[in-house]
């Protein structure tokens, strides 16, 4: 059970722990029902989608395709022989199907 005190802090209560966390503008925190990650800075990668872009920075192709599949319907698959190929760039989400 969580005991919530009046505070300006973000209060996160999970099944495993409870913690008061200060998250300022430009920061983020990931948490699940069992874990709370440290507060980190928001990067361009985290906010690119809000500008209609998908950004990759030396990202393995398989991970890039997994992220891209969130914005496109249908099945996408990567040949295992090239799954670790590094991808970098900004990709417009409104034109995913264009070759």
C-alpha atoms as a PDB file:
ATOM      1  CA  UNK A   1       0.000   0.000   0.000  1.00  0.00           C
ATOM      2  CA  UNK A   2       1.214   3.508  -0.817  1.00  0.00           C
ATOM      3  CA  UNK A   3       1.176   6.355   1.648  1.00  0.00           C
ATOM      4  CA  UNK A   4       0.924   9.530  -0.401  1.00  0.00           C
ATOM      5  CA  UNK A   5       1.919  12.817   1.228  1.00  0.00           C
ATOM      6  CA  UNK A   6       1.062  16.175  -0.318  1.00  0.00           C
ATOM      7  CA  UNK A   7       4.037  17.060  -2.476  1.00  0.00           C
ATOM      8  CA  UNK A   8       5.069  18.633  -5.778  1.00  0.00           C
ATOM      9  CA  UNK A   9       7.154  15.549  -6.537  1.00  0.00           C
ATOM     10  CA  UNK A  10       5.972  12.800  -8.831  1.00  0.00           C
ATOM     11  CA  UNK A  11       5.004   9.891  -6.606  1.00  0.00           C
ATOM     12  CA  UNK A  12       5.380   6.426  -8.108  1.00  0.00           C
ATOM     13  CA  UNK A  13       3.970   3.442  -6.295  1.00  0.00           C
ATOM     14  CA  UNK A  14       4.675  -0.007  -7.710  1.00  0.00           C
ATOM     15  CA  UNK A  15       3.946  -3.465  -6.348  1.00  0.00           C
ATOM     16  CA  UNK A  16       7.580  -3.734  -5.269  1.00  0.00           C
ATOM     17  CA  UNK A  17       8.385  -0.243  -3.967  1.00  0.00           C
ATOM     18  CA  UNK A  18       7.257   3.325  -3.594  1.00  0.00           C
ATOM     19  CA  UNK A  19       9.351   6.370  -4.236  1.00  0.00           C
ATOM     20  CA  UNK A  20       9.039  10.153  -4.481  1.00  0.00           C
ATOM     21  CA  UNK A  21      10.764  11.337  -7.633  1.00  0.00           C
ATOM     22  CA  UNK A  22      11.322  14.831  -8.973  1.00  0.00           C
ATOM     23  CA  UNK A  23      10.926  14.866 -12.759  1.00  0.00           C
ATOM     24  CA  UNK A  24      11.612  18.269 -14.251  1.00  0.00           C
ATOM     25  CA  UNK A  25      10.761  19.581 -17.709  1.00  0.00           C
ATOM     26  CA  UNK A  26      13.004  17.848 -20.249  1.00  0.00           C
ATOM     27  CA  UNK A  27      13.336  14.697 -18.139  1.00  0.00           C
ATOM     28  CA  UNK A  28      11.657  11.286 -18.144  1.00  0.00           C
ATOM     29  CA  UNK A  29      11.354   8.222 -15.963  1.00  0.00           C
ATOM     30  CA  UNK A  30      10.389   4.680 -16.961  1.00  0.00           C
ATOM     31  CA  UNK A  31       8.638   2.427 -14.506  1.00  0.00           C
ATOM     32  CA  UNK A  32       6.702  -0.810 -14.402  1.00  0.00           C
ATOM     33  CA  UNK A  33       4.766  -2.624 -11.696  1.00  0.00           C
ATOM     34  CA  UNK A  34       8.036  -3.907 -10.211  1.00  0.00           C
ATOM     35  CA  UNK A  35      10.788  -1.457 -11.152  1.00  0.00           C
ATOM     36  CA  UNK A  36      11.543   2.270 -11.242  1.00  0.00           C
ATOM     37  CA  UNK A  37      14.383   3.405 -13.506  1.00  0.00           C
ATOM     38  CA  UNK A  38      16.525   6.478 -12.783  1.00  0.00           C
ATOM     39  CA  UNK A  39      15.382   9.848 -14.150  1.00  0.00           C
ATOM     40  CA  UNK A  40      17.087  10.651 -17.478  1.00  0.00           C
ATOM     41  CA  UNK A  41      17.103  13.537 -19.932  1.00  0.00           C
ATOM     42  CA  UNK A  42      14.688  13.441 -22.854  1.00  0.00           C
ATOM     43  CA  UNK A  43      16.618  13.255 -26.123  1.00  0.00           C
ATOM     44  CA  UNK A  44      15.719  14.011 -29.734  1.00  0.00           C
ATOM     45  CA  UNK A  45      15.173  10.275 -30.254  1.00  0.00           C
ATOM     46  CA  UNK A  46      12.458  10.289 -27.565  1.00  0.00           C
ATOM     47  CA  UNK A  47      10.546  13.213 -29.059  1.00  0.00           C
ATOM     48  CA  UNK A  48      11.083  12.773 -32.809  1.00  0.00           C
ATOM     49  CA  UNK A  49       7.674  11.071 -33.177  1.00  0.00           C
ATOM     50  CA  UNK A  50       5.966  14.253 -31.963  1.00  0.00           C
ATOM     51  CA  UNK A  51       7.442  15.996 -35.019  1.00  0.00           C
ATOM     52  CA  UNK A  52       6.346  13.191 -37.367  1.00  0.00           C
ATOM     53  CA  UNK A  53       9.827  11.665 -37.565  1.00  0.00           C
ATOM     54  CA  UNK A  54      11.503   8.448 -36.531  1.00  0.00           C
ATOM     55  CA  UNK A  55      15.151   8.891 -35.595  1.00  0.00           C
ATOM     56  CA  UNK A  56      17.803   6.195 -35.533  1.00  0.00           C
ATOM     57  CA  UNK A  57      21.354   6.666 -34.298  1.00  0.00           C
ATOM     58  CA  UNK A  58      23.544   3.660 -35.048  1.00  0.00           C
ATOM     59  CA  UNK A  59      20.563   1.426 -34.242  1.00  0.00           C
ATOM     60  CA  UNK A  60      20.547  -2.254 -35.278  1.00  0.00           C
ATOM     61  CA  UNK A  61      18.232  -2.767 -38.264  1.00  0.00           C
ATOM     62  CA  UNK A  62      16.111  -5.318 -36.375  1.00  0.00           C
ATOM     63  CA  UNK A  63      15.466  -2.807 -33.568  1.00  0.00           C
ATOM     64  CA  UNK A  64      14.695  -0.066 -36.086  1.00  0.00           C
ATOM     65  CA  UNK A  65      12.127  -2.250 -37.855  1.00  0.00           C
ATOM     66  CA  UNK A  66      10.530  -3.126 -34.516  1.00  0.00           C
ATOM     67  CA  UNK A  67      10.164   0.590 -33.738  1.00  0.00           C
ATOM     68  CA  UNK A  68       8.948   1.367 -37.271  1.00  0.00           C
ATOM     69  CA  UNK A  69       6.260  -1.329 -36.998  1.00  0.00           C
ATOM     70  CA  UNK A  70       4.567   0.784 -34.309  1.00  0.00           C
ATOM     71  CA  UNK A  71       3.702   3.319 -37.024  1.00  0.00           C
ATOM     72  CA  UNK A  72       2.848   1.001 -39.915  1.00  0.00           C
ATOM     73  CA  UNK A  73       0.311  -1.764 -40.309  1.00  0.00           C
ATOM     74  CA  UNK A  74       1.276  -5.052 -41.898  1.00  0.00           C
ATOM     75  CA  UNK A  75       4.103  -7.515 -41.449  1.00  0.00           C
ATOM     76  CA  UNK A  76       7.734  -6.469 -41.591  1.00  0.00           C
ATOM     77  CA  UNK A  77      10.631  -8.861 -41.267  1.00  0.00           C
ATOM     78  CA  UNK A  78      14.411  -8.542 -41.321  1.00  0.00           C
ATOM     79  CA  UNK A  79      16.713 -11.148 -42.844  1.00  0.00           C
ATOM     80  CA  UNK A  80      18.805 -12.500 -39.939  1.00  0.00           C
ATOM     81  CA  UNK A  81      21.937 -12.013 -42.052  1.00  0.00           C
ATOM     82  CA  UNK A  82      21.538  -8.206 -41.859  1.00  0.00           C
ATOM     83  CA  UNK A  83      19.676  -7.757 -38.558  1.00  0.00           C
ATOM     84  CA  UNK A  84      22.683  -6.047 -36.920  1.00  0.00           C
ATOM     85  CA  UNK A  85      23.304  -3.603 -39.773  1.00  0.00           C
ATOM     86  CA  UNK A  86      23.528  -0.106 -38.238  1.00  0.00           C
ATOM     87  CA  UNK A  87      20.857   2.414 -39.251  1.00  0.00           C
ATOM     88  CA  UNK A  88      21.169   6.164 -38.714  1.00  0.00           C
ATOM     89  CA  UNK A  89      18.994   9.011 -39.908  1.00  0.00           C
ATOM     90  CA  UNK A  90      15.685  10.834 -39.616  1.00  0.00           C
ATOM     91  CA  UNK A  91      12.732   9.119 -41.324  1.00  0.00           C
ATOM     92  CA  UNK A  92       9.365  10.826 -41.967  1.00  0.00           C
ATOM     93  CA  UNK A  93       6.489   8.817 -40.502  1.00  0.00           C
ATOM     94  CA  UNK A  94       3.974  10.212 -43.000  1.00  0.00           C
ATOM     95  CA  UNK A  95       5.772   8.519 -45.911  1.00  0.00           C
ATOM     96  CA  UNK A  96       6.748   5.094 -44.587  1.00  0.00           C
ATOM     97  CA  UNK A  97       5.716   3.107 -47.657  1.00  0.00           C
ATOM     98  CA  UNK A  98       7.842   5.118 -50.098  1.00  0.00           C
ATOM     99  CA  UNK A  99      10.803   3.026 -51.302  1.00  0.00           C
END
